[in-house]
Amino acid sequence: MATIMVRPRVSVKMATRNHEAFVGTAIESVLAQQTDFPFELVICDDASTDGTAGIARRFERDHSARVRVLPPRPHLGMKGTFHRLWDACRGDFVANLDGDDFWTSPHKLQRQWEFMHSHPGCTLSFHNVDGVDADGRPLGRAISDCPPLLDIATLLHVCVIPSASVMIRRAHVHPLPPGFDDVPMSDWPLYVVLATRGEIRYLDAVLGAWRLHAGGAWSRGGRKSPADVLHRTRWTIAFYRWALATLDPIHAPLLRARLDGLETSARALEG
């Protein structure tokens, strides 16, 4: 008999790709959550070539009332996985946890759910996390200081929001603006969109861990080789070009100044 899943109030979306060493810890940290509302975990594995998908499916078999693994497809890339997950989530609120990160508090979802309800104008909330290496050894807090309300100018200057800490009101995500899919990353431009539609609020608590390792799409284990720096610089240039074409012209001076500096850096790295 098929398991009937109660409609969740919160969906946890998890993107995975070659996270065999980490994904079990990530999933267990979601299943450990203690809440007074129903939640689901939706996993999209992007054509992993290791054992990631098999681990996710085992959890789905053992926890079918809470875990859904989307059927396999050919490699979609970051944006394709992003859209597939958002389309699959059923909750009014969506929390993010990638397959290489994990939550450190069993009360993370409950605390953030209550926080969002206490701030009805909040489209996105986030909290602090600990940086850890591939083996889980601590590397320090991700955020040293942050105001309770994050303005868009601060967010445009630098993305201080750890992806493992985010909870979003799903109703405010769509429609996404033109050009969104042309930016290589998904998280930073989405946060900017949500900042134009409501409040971005900081919950001052450490409730998760962000893993820096060689396979990370952005951090790449914190490596600082010229090739890795150029990789991050090109992604950031694409973000600022999109923001300049999309946002209110009041932000143009900041965006042009950031672009000028980044494009100069890119030319130096390429040369």
Protein backbone atom coordinates (compact mmCIF):
# COMPACT_ATOMS: atom_id res chain seq x y z
CA MET A 1 0.00 0.00 0.00
CA ALA A 2 1.35 3.42 -0.96
CA THR A 3 2.21 5.79 1.88
CA ILE A 4 -0.08 8.82 2.11
CA MET A 5 2.01 11.91 2.78
CA VAL A 6 0.44 14.66 4.87
CA ARG A 7 0.67 18.04 3.15
CA PRO A 8 3.76 19.68 4.66
CA ARG A 9 3.85 23.21 6.01
CA VAL A 10 7.61 23.32 5.33
CA SER A 11 9.52 21.71 2.48
CA VAL A 12 13.24 21.11 2.83
CA LYS A 13 14.86 21.08 -0.59
CA MET A 14 18.16 19.28 -1.03
CA ALA A 15 20.29 19.39 -4.18
CA THR A 16 22.94 16.68 -4.41
CA ARG A 17 25.72 15.83 -6.83
CA ASN A 18 28.56 13.47 -5.91
CA HIS A 19 27.96 13.96 -2.17
CA GLU A 20 28.37 10.29 -1.24
CA ALA A 21 30.64 11.11 1.71
CA PHE A 22 28.28 13.73 3.13
CA VAL A 23 24.65 13.20 2.10
CA GLY A 24 23.79 10.69 4.83
CA THR A 25 24.75 13.22 7.51
CA ALA A 26 22.72 15.92 5.74
CA ILE A 27 19.58 13.76 5.51
CA GLU A 28 19.88 12.55 9.12
CA SER A 29 20.07 16.15 10.32
CA VAL A 30 16.75 16.86 8.60
CA LEU A 31 15.05 13.72 9.94
CA ALA A 32 16.23 14.69 13.43
CA GLN A 33 14.13 17.86 13.37
CA GLN A 34 11.54 18.16 16.13
CA THR A 35 8.53 20.21 15.00
CA ASP A 36 4.86 20.65 15.79
CA PHE A 37 4.06 20.89 12.06
CA PRO A 38 4.50 18.42 9.19
CA PHE A 39 7.52 18.84 6.93
CA GLU A 40 8.98 17.01 3.96
CA LEU A 41 12.44 16.50 2.52
CA VAL A 42 12.63 16.71 -1.28
CA ILE A 43 15.91 15.49 -2.80
CA CYS A 44 17.06 16.07 -6.37
CA ASP A 45 20.23 14.23 -7.29
CA ASP A 46 21.83 15.74 -10.38
CA ALA A 47 23.18 12.61 -12.10
CA SER A 48 25.80 11.77 -9.48
CA THR A 49 28.49 9.35 -10.62
CA ASP A 50 29.10 7.99 -7.11
CA GLY A 51 26.77 6.39 -4.57
CA THR A 52 24.84 9.54 -3.63
CA ALA A 53 21.58 8.60 -5.33
CA GLY A 54 21.55 5.14 -3.79
CA ILE A 55 21.98 6.55 -0.28
CA ALA A 56 19.12 9.00 -0.86
CA ARG A 57 16.83 6.23 -2.12
CA ARG A 58 17.57 4.08 0.95
CA PHE A 59 16.45 6.93 3.18
CA GLU A 60 13.34 7.32 1.05
CA ARG A 61 12.50 3.63 1.49
CA ASP A 62 12.96 3.84 5.26
CA HIS A 63 11.20 7.20 5.70
CA SER A 64 8.67 7.27 2.88
CA ALA A 65 6.22 9.46 4.80
CA ARG A 66 8.75 12.29 4.94
CA VAL A 67 11.42 11.82 2.23
CA ARG A 68 10.86 12.12 -1.54
CA VAL A 69 13.64 11.54 -4.04
CA LEU A 70 12.81 12.90 -7.48
CA PRO A 71 13.16 10.42 -10.35
CA PRO A 72 16.57 10.40 -12.04
CA ARG A 73 17.22 12.52 -15.11
CA PRO A 74 20.29 13.37 -17.20
CA HIS A 75 22.59 16.04 -15.78
CA LEU A 76 20.60 19.28 -15.38
CA GLY A 77 23.19 21.60 -13.87
CA MET A 78 22.66 24.04 -11.02
CA LYS A 79 19.77 26.02 -12.53
CA GLY A 80 17.90 22.99 -13.82
CA THR A 81 18.12 21.36 -10.40
CA PHE A 82 17.01 24.61 -8.76
CA HIS A 83 13.82 24.82 -10.85
CA ARG A 84 13.02 21.13 -10.48
CA LEU A 85 13.24 21.33 -6.70
CA TRP A 86 11.13 24.46 -6.43
CA ASP A 87 8.46 22.91 -8.64
CA ALA A 88 8.38 19.80 -6.42
CA CYS A 89 8.15 21.54 -3.02
CA ARG A 90 4.65 21.61 -1.53
CA GLY A 91 5.14 23.60 1.68
CA ASP A 92 4.23 27.23 2.21
CA PHE A 93 7.79 27.70 3.47
CA VAL A 94 10.92 26.22 1.92
CA ALA A 95 14.18 25.61 3.77
CA ASN A 96 17.40 24.83 1.93
CA LEU A 97 20.07 22.27 2.77
CA ASP A 98 22.52 21.06 0.15
CA GLY A 99 23.73 17.49 0.31
CA ASP A 100 27.16 18.41 1.64
CA ASP A 101 25.97 20.60 4.55
CA PHE A 102 24.04 19.69 7.71
CA TRP A 103 22.03 21.15 10.57
CA THR A 104 23.40 21.05 14.09
CA SER A 105 20.22 21.75 16.06
CA PRO A 106 17.11 19.51 16.07
CA HIS A 107 15.08 22.68 16.70
CA LYS A 108 16.29 24.59 13.62
CA LEU A 109 13.07 24.25 11.61
CA GLN A 110 10.80 24.95 14.56
CA ARG A 111 12.72 28.07 15.62
CA GLN A 112 12.86 29.45 12.10
CA TRP A 113 9.20 28.66 11.45
CA GLU A 114 8.23 30.60 14.59
CA PHE A 115 10.58 33.42 13.62
CA MET A 116 8.98 33.74 10.19
CA HIS A 117 5.51 33.81 11.71
CA SER A 118 6.55 36.54 14.15
CA HIS A 119 7.70 38.67 11.16
CA PRO A 120 4.91 38.43 8.57
CA GLY A 121 6.68 40.84 6.20
CA CYS A 122 9.74 38.59 6.04
CA THR A 123 10.24 36.85 2.70
CA LEU A 124 13.51 35.19 3.75
CA SER A 125 15.17 34.48 7.09
CA PHE A 126 18.63 33.10 7.76
CA HIS A 127 20.86 32.25 10.70
CA ASN A 128 24.51 31.68 11.49
CA VAL A 129 26.35 28.44 10.73
CA ASP A 130 29.73 26.97 11.52
CA GLY A 131 32.19 26.46 8.70
CA VAL A 132 33.67 22.94 8.72
CA ASP A 133 36.09 21.08 6.51
CA ALA A 134 35.45 17.83 4.64
CA ASP A 135 35.96 15.84 7.86
CA GLY A 136 33.72 18.07 9.95
CA ARG A 137 36.52 19.91 11.73
CA PRO A 138 35.55 23.48 12.71
CA LEU A 139 36.82 26.40 10.65
CA GLY A 140 34.99 29.24 12.41
CA ARG A 141 31.63 30.95 12.24
CA ALA A 142 30.35 32.00 8.83
CA ILE A 143 28.97 35.33 10.14
CA SER A 144 30.88 37.49 12.62
CA ASP A 145 28.33 40.29 12.82
CA CYS A 146 25.00 40.94 11.10
CA PRO A 147 22.13 43.40 11.62
CA PRO A 148 18.67 41.92 12.33
CA LEU A 149 17.30 43.42 9.11
CA LEU A 150 19.45 43.09 5.98
CA ASP A 151 19.03 45.89 3.45
CA ILE A 152 19.45 45.31 -0.26
CA ALA A 153 22.56 47.52 -0.55
CA THR A 154 24.39 45.31 1.97
CA LEU A 155 23.23 42.18 0.17
CA LEU A 156 24.41 43.57 -3.17
CA HIS A 157 27.84 44.34 -1.74
CA VAL A 158 28.43 40.77 -0.53
CA CYS A 159 26.26 37.70 0.00
CA VAL A 160 26.45 37.05 3.75
CA ILE A 161 23.61 34.49 3.76
CA PRO A 162 24.75 30.85 4.24
CA SER A 163 22.71 28.61 1.96
CA ALA A 164 22.24 26.01 4.73
CA SER A 165 20.45 28.61 6.87
CA VAL A 166 17.72 29.85 4.54
CA MET A 167 13.94 29.63 4.96
CA ILE A 168 11.73 31.32 2.35
CA ARG A 169 8.03 32.08 1.92
CA ARG A 170 7.39 30.15 -1.28
CA ALA A 171 4.63 32.49 -2.51
CA HIS A 172 7.19 35.27 -3.03
CA VAL A 173 9.60 33.35 -5.27
CA HIS A 174 7.75 33.50 -8.60
CA PRO A 175 7.72 35.08 -11.05
CA LEU A 176 11.48 35.25 -11.37
CA PRO A 177 12.78 38.25 -13.35
CA PRO A 178 14.19 37.99 -16.89
CA GLY A 179 17.80 36.87 -17.10
CA PHE A 180 17.71 34.97 -13.79
CA ASP A 181 18.79 31.74 -15.47
CA ASP A 182 21.75 33.46 -17.13
CA VAL A 183 23.47 33.88 -13.74
CA PRO A 184 25.53 30.77 -12.91
CA MET A 185 24.55 30.65 -9.23
CA SER A 186 20.96 30.51 -7.96
CA ASP A 187 21.09 31.56 -4.32
CA TRP A 188 22.43 35.13 -4.39
CA PRO A 189 20.15 36.39 -7.20
CA LEU A 190 17.15 34.73 -5.52
CA TYR A 191 17.95 36.49 -2.23
CA VAL A 192 18.12 39.82 -4.07
CA VAL A 193 14.74 39.17 -5.71
CA LEU A 194 13.23 38.40 -2.30
CA ALA A 195 14.77 41.57 -0.85
CA THR A 196 12.75 43.56 -3.39
CA ARG A 197 9.55 41.79 -2.30
CA GLY A 198 9.83 41.96 1.48
CA GLU A 199 12.21 41.80 4.43
CA ILE A 200 15.39 39.76 4.79
CA ARG A 201 15.81 39.00 8.50
CA TYR A 202 18.63 37.46 10.54
CA LEU A 203 17.96 34.98 13.34
CA ASP A 204 20.94 35.31 15.67
CA ALA A 205 21.63 31.63 16.37
CA VAL A 206 24.04 28.95 15.14
CA LEU A 207 21.88 26.10 13.84
CA GLY A 208 23.87 24.45 11.05
CA ALA A 209 27.19 23.77 9.38
CA TRP A 210 28.53 24.77 5.98
CA ARG A 211 31.07 22.33 4.63
CA LEU A 212 34.01 23.70 2.63
CA HIS A 213 35.51 20.94 0.50
CA ALA A 214 37.18 20.46 -2.85
CA GLY A 215 33.94 19.48 -4.60
CA GLY A 216 31.99 22.56 -3.53
CA ALA A 217 30.51 24.47 -6.47
CA TRP A 218 31.49 27.84 -4.98
CA SER A 219 33.97 27.40 -2.16
CA ARG A 220 36.02 24.56 -3.71
CA GLY A 221 37.42 23.94 -0.26
CA GLY A 222 38.52 27.55 0.11
CA ARG A 223 41.21 27.10 -2.53
CA LYS A 224 42.84 30.30 -3.72
CA SER A 225 44.61 29.21 -6.88
CA PRO A 226 44.34 31.70 -9.79
CA ALA A 227 41.97 29.32 -11.59
CA ASP A 228 39.62 29.07 -8.60
CA VAL A 229 39.69 32.81 -7.98
CA LEU A 230 38.91 33.41 -11.67
CA HIS A 231 36.01 30.91 -11.47
CA ARG A 232 34.42 32.82 -8.59
CA THR A 233 35.16 36.19 -10.19
CA ARG A 234 33.42 35.26 -13.45
CA TRP A 235 30.34 34.04 -11.57
CA THR A 236 30.21 37.26 -9.56
CA ILE A 237 30.56 39.41 -12.71
CA ALA A 238 27.59 37.57 -14.23
CA PHE A 239 25.58 38.27 -11.07
CA TYR A 240 26.36 42.00 -11.09
CA ARG A 241 25.58 42.36 -14.80
CA TRP A 242 22.19 40.74 -14.19
CA ALA A 243 21.54 42.94 -11.14
CA LEU A 244 22.44 46.09 -13.10
CA ALA A 245 19.94 45.16 -15.83
CA THR A 246 17.23 44.09 -13.38
CA LEU A 247 17.17 46.32 -10.30
CA ASP A 248 16.07 49.89 -9.68
CA PRO A 249 18.60 52.38 -11.14
CA ILE A 250 19.20 53.71 -7.62
CA HIS A 251 21.57 50.75 -7.17
CA ALA A 252 23.50 51.40 -10.40
CA PRO A 253 26.45 53.33 -8.88
CA LEU A 254 27.22 50.51 -6.44
CA LEU A 255 26.80 47.84 -9.11
CA ARG A 256 28.97 49.64 -11.68
CA ALA A 257 31.72 50.19 -9.12
CA ARG A 258 31.68 46.50 -8.17
CA LEU A 259 31.69 45.47 -11.84
CA ASP A 260 34.62 47.74 -12.71
CA GLY A 261 36.75 46.24 -9.95
CA LEU A 262 35.82 42.66 -10.78
CA GLU A 263 36.37 43.03 -14.50
CA THR A 264 39.82 44.53 -13.84
CA SER A 265 40.61 41.57 -11.58
CA ALA A 266 39.39 39.10 -14.19
CA ARG A 267 41.58 40.63 -16.90
CA ALA A 268 44.61 40.39 -14.62
CA LEU A 269 43.87 36.74 -13.83
CA GLU A 270 43.29 35.89 -17.48
CA GLY A 271 46.51 37.60 -18.52
